Amino acid sequence: MNYIQVGKLIRTLRNEKNISMNDLAQKLVISQASVSRIEGGLQEVNFTMLNKICEQFEISLSTFFLLLEQKIDINLDTALNEATTSKTEDLDEELYKIIRGLSEDQKKGLYVLLLPYLK
């Protein structure tokens, strides 16, 4: 689970419901700092906590994950559109920058992911 995307969606839902971070924390019986870490993607959210969060927004877990999937798809579409409108050299350079910033394990994972496309 991508905790950064989860946190962004929680923040969006909280803002749409006009619930303050402190109010949400009180309803969940956690600290406001914990809500902040969750929304920032710095703290993992287990399914029990996520279910409690969804109850506060009056949505089901399945609705939450559908919203999460749509948000990720929208972000990917936007990134893809931006990438395809730039020059190929710019895209290559951006990819090199991203890859250089990855750890060795992340590079191995990326290699395994891309391998089927190289055949």
N, C-alpha and C. Protein backbone atom coordinates (compact mmCIF):
# COMPACT_ATOMS: atom_id res chain seq x y z
N MET A 1 0.86 -1.17 0.00
CA MET A 1 0.00 0.00 0.00
C MET A 1 0.90 1.23 0.00
N ASN A 2 0.58 2.18 -0.83
CA ASN A 2 1.34 3.43 -0.94
C ASN A 2 0.81 4.40 0.11
N TYR A 3 1.55 4.54 1.21
CA TYR A 3 1.07 5.34 2.34
C TYR A 3 1.02 6.83 2.02
N ILE A 4 1.82 7.29 1.08
CA ILE A 4 1.76 8.70 0.70
C ILE A 4 0.44 8.98 0.00
N GLN A 5 0.05 8.12 -0.94
CA GLN A 5 -1.24 8.30 -1.63
C GLN A 5 -2.41 8.12 -0.68
N VAL A 6 -2.30 7.15 0.24
CA VAL A 6 -3.35 6.94 1.24
C VAL A 6 -3.51 8.21 2.08
N GLY A 7 -2.39 8.75 2.54
CA GLY A 7 -2.43 9.96 3.36
C GLY A 7 -3.02 11.14 2.63
N LYS A 8 -2.64 11.30 1.36
CA LYS A 8 -3.19 12.41 0.57
C LYS A 8 -4.70 12.29 0.42
N LEU A 9 -5.17 11.06 0.19
CA LEU A 9 -6.61 10.85 0.05
C LEU A 9 -7.33 11.14 1.37
N ILE A 10 -6.76 10.70 2.47
CA ILE A 10 -7.36 10.97 3.78
C ILE A 10 -7.44 12.48 4.00
N ARG A 11 -6.37 13.19 3.69
CA ARG A 11 -6.38 14.66 3.84
C ARG A 11 -7.47 15.29 2.96
N THR A 12 -7.57 14.82 1.73
CA THR A 12 -8.59 15.35 0.82
C THR A 12 -10.00 15.10 1.36
N LEU A 13 -10.24 13.88 1.82
CA LEU A 13 -11.56 13.55 2.36
C LEU A 13 -11.86 14.37 3.61
N ARG A 14 -10.86 14.54 4.46
CA ARG A 14 -11.03 15.32 5.70
C ARG A 14 -11.38 16.76 5.36
N ASN A 15 -10.66 17.32 4.41
CA ASN A 15 -10.93 18.71 4.01
C ASN A 15 -12.30 18.86 3.36
N GLU A 16 -12.70 17.88 2.56
CA GLU A 16 -14.02 17.92 1.93
C GLU A 16 -15.14 17.88 2.96
N LYS A 17 -14.90 17.17 4.05
CA LYS A 17 -15.90 17.07 5.13
C LYS A 17 -15.76 18.21 6.14
N ASN A 18 -14.80 19.11 5.90
CA ASN A 18 -14.54 20.23 6.82
C ASN A 18 -14.29 19.77 8.25
N ILE A 19 -13.49 18.71 8.37
CA ILE A 19 -13.12 18.18 9.68
C ILE A 19 -11.68 18.61 9.93
N SER A 20 -11.43 19.21 11.09
CA SER A 20 -10.07 19.61 11.41
C SER A 20 -9.24 18.37 11.75
N MET A 21 -7.96 18.51 11.67
CA MET A 21 -7.06 17.42 12.01
C MET A 21 -7.26 17.02 13.47
N ASN A 22 -7.43 18.01 14.32
CA ASN A 22 -7.62 17.76 15.75
C ASN A 22 -8.94 17.02 16.00
N ASP A 23 -10.02 17.42 15.31
CA ASP A 23 -11.31 16.75 15.47
C ASP A 23 -11.22 15.29 15.02
N LEU A 24 -10.56 15.05 13.90
CA LEU A 24 -10.41 13.68 13.42
C LEU A 24 -9.61 12.86 14.42
N ALA A 25 -8.56 13.44 14.96
CA ALA A 25 -7.73 12.74 15.95
C ALA A 25 -8.56 12.35 17.17
N GLN A 26 -9.38 13.27 17.65
CA GLN A 26 -10.22 12.97 18.82
C GLN A 26 -11.21 11.86 18.52
N LYS A 27 -11.81 11.87 17.33
CA LYS A 27 -12.77 10.84 16.97
C LYS A 27 -12.10 9.47 16.82
N LEU A 28 -10.84 9.47 16.41
CA LEU A 28 -10.11 8.21 16.23
C LEU A 28 -9.37 7.77 17.49
N VAL A 29 -9.37 8.64 18.50
CA VAL A 29 -8.68 8.42 19.76
C VAL A 29 -7.18 8.20 19.52
N ILE A 30 -6.61 9.10 18.73
CA ILE A 30 -5.17 9.15 18.50
C ILE A 30 -4.75 10.61 18.60
N SER A 31 -3.46 10.84 18.59
CA SER A 31 -2.98 12.22 18.68
C SER A 31 -3.11 12.93 17.35
N GLN A 32 -3.13 14.25 17.41
CA GLN A 32 -3.17 15.05 16.19
C GLN A 32 -1.88 14.83 15.39
N ALA A 33 -0.78 14.61 16.10
CA ALA A 33 0.50 14.34 15.43
C ALA A 33 0.42 13.04 14.61
N SER A 34 -0.30 12.05 15.14
CA SER A 34 -0.47 10.79 14.40
C SER A 34 -1.26 11.02 13.12
N VAL A 35 -2.32 11.82 13.21
CA VAL A 35 -3.10 12.14 12.00
C VAL A 35 -2.20 12.85 10.99
N SER A 36 -1.39 13.76 11.48
CA SER A 36 -0.47 14.48 10.59
C SER A 36 0.51 13.52 9.91
N ARG A 37 1.05 12.58 10.67
CA ARG A 37 2.00 11.61 10.10
C ARG A 37 1.29 10.70 9.09
N ILE A 38 0.06 10.31 9.40
CA ILE A 38 -0.72 9.47 8.47
C ILE A 38 -0.95 10.23 7.17
N GLU A 39 -1.40 11.46 7.28
CA GLU A 39 -1.68 12.25 6.08
C GLU A 39 -0.42 12.56 5.28
N GLY A 40 0.71 12.62 5.97
CA GLY A 40 1.98 12.87 5.29
C GLY A 40 2.62 11.61 4.73
N GLY A 41 2.00 10.46 4.98
CA GLY A 41 2.54 9.19 4.49
C GLY A 41 3.70 8.68 5.29
N LEU A 42 3.90 9.23 6.49
CA LEU A 42 5.03 8.85 7.34
C LEU A 42 4.69 7.76 8.33
N GLN A 43 3.40 7.47 8.48
CA GLN A 43 2.97 6.45 9.43
C GLN A 43 2.07 5.47 8.72
N GLU A 44 2.33 4.19 8.92
CA GLU A 44 1.50 3.15 8.32
C GLU A 44 0.10 3.18 8.91
N VAL A 45 -0.86 2.80 8.10
CA VAL A 45 -2.24 2.73 8.55
C VAL A 45 -2.70 1.28 8.39
N ASN A 46 -3.02 0.64 9.52
CA ASN A 46 -3.53 -0.73 9.42
C ASN A 46 -5.00 -0.69 9.03
N PHE A 47 -5.54 -1.84 8.68
CA PHE A 47 -6.91 -1.88 8.18
C PHE A 47 -7.93 -1.50 9.25
N THR A 48 -7.64 -1.80 10.51
CA THR A 48 -8.55 -1.42 11.58
C THR A 48 -8.65 0.10 11.66
N MET A 49 -7.50 0.78 11.64
CA MET A 49 -7.50 2.24 11.69
C MET A 49 -8.13 2.82 10.42
N LEU A 50 -7.81 2.25 9.29
CA LEU A 50 -8.37 2.74 8.03
C LEU A 50 -9.90 2.60 8.03
N ASN A 51 -10.38 1.50 8.60
CA ASN A 51 -11.83 1.32 8.70
C ASN A 51 -12.45 2.40 9.59
N LYS A 52 -11.80 2.73 10.71
CA LYS A 52 -12.29 3.80 11.59
C LYS A 52 -12.29 5.14 10.87
N ILE A 53 -11.25 5.39 10.09
CA ILE A 53 -11.16 6.63 9.33
C ILE A 53 -12.30 6.70 8.32
N CYS A 54 -12.52 5.60 7.61
CA CYS A 54 -13.60 5.56 6.62
C CYS A 54 -14.96 5.80 7.27
N GLU A 55 -15.16 5.26 8.46
CA GLU A 55 -16.42 5.48 9.18
C GLU A 55 -16.63 6.98 9.43
N GLN A 56 -15.56 7.70 9.75
CA GLN A 56 -15.68 9.14 9.99
C GLN A 56 -16.08 9.89 8.72
N PHE A 57 -15.67 9.38 7.57
CA PHE A 57 -16.00 10.01 6.30
C PHE A 57 -17.28 9.42 5.68
N GLU A 58 -17.87 8.46 6.40
CA GLU A 58 -19.11 7.82 5.96
C GLU A 58 -18.96 7.14 4.60
N ILE A 59 -17.84 6.44 4.44
CA ILE A 59 -17.61 5.65 3.23
C ILE A 59 -17.13 4.26 3.64
N SER A 60 -17.25 3.31 2.75
CA SER A 60 -16.76 1.95 3.01
C SER A 60 -15.29 1.85 2.64
N LEU A 61 -14.67 0.80 3.13
CA LEU A 61 -13.28 0.54 2.75
C LEU A 61 -13.16 0.35 1.24
N SER A 62 -14.11 -0.35 0.65
CA SER A 62 -14.03 -0.57 -0.79
C SER A 62 -14.14 0.74 -1.56
N THR A 63 -14.99 1.66 -1.08
CA THR A 63 -15.09 2.98 -1.72
C THR A 63 -13.77 3.72 -1.58
N PHE A 64 -13.16 3.62 -0.40
CA PHE A 64 -11.87 4.28 -0.18
C PHE A 64 -10.84 3.79 -1.19
N PHE A 65 -10.77 2.46 -1.36
CA PHE A 65 -9.77 1.91 -2.28
C PHE A 65 -10.10 2.23 -3.73
N LEU A 66 -11.38 2.33 -4.07
CA LEU A 66 -11.74 2.77 -5.42
C LEU A 66 -11.29 4.21 -5.66
N LEU A 67 -11.52 5.07 -4.66
CA LEU A 67 -11.07 6.46 -4.77
C LEU A 67 -9.55 6.52 -4.88
N LEU A 68 -8.89 5.69 -4.10
CA LEU A 68 -7.42 5.66 -4.12
C LEU A 68 -6.92 5.23 -5.49
N GLU A 69 -7.53 4.22 -6.06
CA GLU A 69 -7.14 3.73 -7.38
C GLU A 69 -7.37 4.79 -8.45
N GLN A 70 -8.51 5.46 -8.38
CA GLN A 70 -8.81 6.52 -9.35
C GLN A 70 -7.81 7.65 -9.23
N LYS A 71 -7.46 8.02 -8.01
CA LYS A 71 -6.52 9.12 -7.79
C LYS A 71 -5.15 8.76 -8.37
N ILE A 72 -4.72 7.53 -8.16
CA ILE A 72 -3.43 7.10 -8.69
C ILE A 72 -3.48 7.08 -10.21
N ASP A 73 -4.60 6.57 -10.78
CA ASP A 73 -4.74 6.55 -12.24
C ASP A 73 -4.69 7.96 -12.81
N ILE A 74 -5.36 8.91 -12.16
CA ILE A 74 -5.35 10.30 -12.63
C ILE A 74 -3.94 10.86 -12.59
N ASN A 75 -3.22 10.60 -11.49
CA ASN A 75 -1.84 11.08 -11.37
C ASN A 75 -0.94 10.48 -12.44
N LEU A 76 -1.14 9.19 -12.72
CA LEU A 76 -0.33 8.54 -13.76
C LEU A 76 -0.65 9.11 -15.13
N ASP A 77 -1.93 9.36 -15.40
CA ASP A 77 -2.32 9.94 -16.68
C ASP A 77 -1.71 11.32 -16.85
N THR A 78 -1.74 12.14 -15.80
CA THR A 78 -1.16 13.48 -15.86
C THR A 78 0.34 13.40 -16.10
N ALA A 79 1.02 12.53 -15.37
CA ALA A 79 2.46 12.38 -15.54
C ALA A 79 2.80 11.89 -16.95
N LEU A 80 2.00 10.95 -17.46
CA LEU A 80 2.25 10.43 -18.79
C LEU A 80 2.05 11.51 -19.85
N ASN A 81 1.00 12.31 -19.69
CA ASN A 81 0.76 13.40 -20.64
C ASN A 81 1.90 14.41 -20.62
N GLU A 82 2.38 14.75 -19.43
CA GLU A 82 3.49 15.69 -19.33
C GLU A 82 4.75 15.10 -19.95
N ALA A 83 4.96 13.81 -19.73
CA ALA A 83 6.17 13.17 -20.26
C ALA A 83 6.14 13.09 -21.78
N THR A 84 4.99 12.81 -22.35
CA THR A 84 4.93 12.65 -23.79
C THR A 84 4.95 13.98 -24.53
N THR A 85 4.65 15.08 -23.83
CA THR A 85 4.69 16.37 -24.49
C THR A 85 6.08 16.98 -24.45
N SER A 86 6.96 16.42 -23.63
CA SER A 86 8.33 16.95 -23.59
C SER A 86 9.19 16.23 -24.62
N LYS A 87 10.34 16.77 -24.87
CA LYS A 87 11.25 16.17 -25.83
C LYS A 87 11.75 14.83 -25.31
N THR A 88 12.10 13.94 -26.23
CA THR A 88 12.61 12.64 -25.85
C THR A 88 13.86 12.75 -24.99
N GLU A 89 14.74 13.71 -25.33
CA GLU A 89 15.97 13.88 -24.54
C GLU A 89 15.64 14.30 -23.12
N ASP A 90 14.63 15.17 -22.97
CA ASP A 90 14.22 15.60 -21.63
C ASP A 90 13.67 14.41 -20.84
N LEU A 91 12.88 13.58 -21.50
CA LEU A 91 12.32 12.41 -20.85
C LEU A 91 13.43 11.46 -20.42
N ASP A 92 14.39 11.22 -21.32
CA ASP A 92 15.52 10.36 -20.98
C ASP A 92 16.27 10.90 -19.76
N GLU A 93 16.52 12.19 -19.75
CA GLU A 93 17.25 12.80 -18.62
C GLU A 93 16.45 12.66 -17.32
N GLU A 94 15.14 12.86 -17.40
CA GLU A 94 14.30 12.72 -16.21
C GLU A 94 14.35 11.29 -15.69
N LEU A 95 14.29 10.32 -16.61
CA LEU A 95 14.38 8.92 -16.20
C LEU A 95 15.74 8.62 -15.56
N TYR A 96 16.82 9.14 -16.13
CA TYR A 96 18.14 8.94 -15.55
C TYR A 96 18.21 9.51 -14.15
N LYS A 97 17.64 10.69 -13.94
CA LYS A 97 17.63 11.31 -12.61
C LYS A 97 16.89 10.44 -11.60
N ILE A 98 15.74 9.95 -12.03
CA ILE A 98 14.94 9.10 -11.14
C ILE A 98 15.71 7.85 -10.78
N ILE A 99 16.29 7.19 -11.77
CA ILE A 99 17.01 5.94 -11.54
C ILE A 99 18.24 6.17 -10.66
N ARG A 100 18.96 7.26 -10.90
CA ARG A 100 20.14 7.55 -10.07
C ARG A 100 19.77 7.74 -8.60
N GLY A 101 18.56 8.19 -8.34
CA GLY A 101 18.13 8.43 -6.97
C GLY A 101 17.61 7.19 -6.25
N LEU A 102 17.51 6.07 -6.96
CA LEU A 102 16.98 4.85 -6.36
C LEU A 102 18.07 4.09 -5.61
N SER A 103 17.64 3.33 -4.60
CA SER A 103 18.57 2.44 -3.90
C SER A 103 18.85 1.24 -4.81
N GLU A 104 19.83 0.44 -4.43
CA GLU A 104 20.17 -0.74 -5.23
C GLU A 104 18.98 -1.71 -5.30
N ASP A 105 18.29 -1.89 -4.18
CA ASP A 105 17.13 -2.79 -4.18
C ASP A 105 16.02 -2.24 -5.08
N GLN A 106 15.81 -0.94 -5.06
CA GLN A 106 14.80 -0.34 -5.92
C GLN A 106 15.18 -0.49 -7.38
N LYS A 107 16.46 -0.33 -7.69
CA LYS A 107 16.92 -0.51 -9.08
C LYS A 107 16.69 -1.94 -9.54
N LYS A 108 16.96 -2.92 -8.66
CA LYS A 108 16.73 -4.32 -9.00
C LYS A 108 15.24 -4.56 -9.25
N GLY A 109 14.39 -3.98 -8.40
CA GLY A 109 12.95 -4.13 -8.58
C GLY A 109 12.48 -3.52 -9.89
N LEU A 110 13.03 -2.35 -10.22
CA LEU A 110 12.68 -1.70 -11.48
C LEU A 110 13.13 -2.55 -12.66
N TYR A 111 14.31 -3.13 -12.57
CA TYR A 111 14.83 -3.98 -13.63
C TYR A 111 13.90 -5.18 -13.85
N VAL A 112 13.49 -5.81 -12.76
CA VAL A 112 12.59 -6.96 -12.87
C VAL A 112 11.26 -6.53 -13.49
N LEU A 113 10.78 -5.35 -13.13
CA LEU A 113 9.54 -4.83 -13.67
C LEU A 113 9.64 -4.56 -15.17
N LEU A 114 10.77 -4.02 -15.60
CA LEU A 114 10.95 -3.65 -17.01
C LEU A 114 11.38 -4.80 -17.90
N LEU A 115 11.92 -5.84 -17.34
CA LEU A 115 12.47 -6.95 -18.11
C LEU A 115 11.50 -7.50 -19.17
N PRO A 116 10.23 -7.72 -18.84
CA PRO A 116 9.33 -8.24 -19.89
C PRO A 116 9.18 -7.31 -21.09
N TYR A 117 9.38 -6.01 -20.90
CA TYR A 117 9.22 -5.06 -21.99
C TYR A 117 10.43 -5.05 -22.92
N LEU A 118 11.54 -5.60 -22.46
CA LEU A 118 12.76 -5.61 -23.26
C LEU A 118 12.81 -6.78 -24.23
N LYS A 119 11.92 -7.71 -24.10
CA LYS A 119 11.93 -8.90 -24.96
C LYS A 119 11.11 -8.70 -26.20
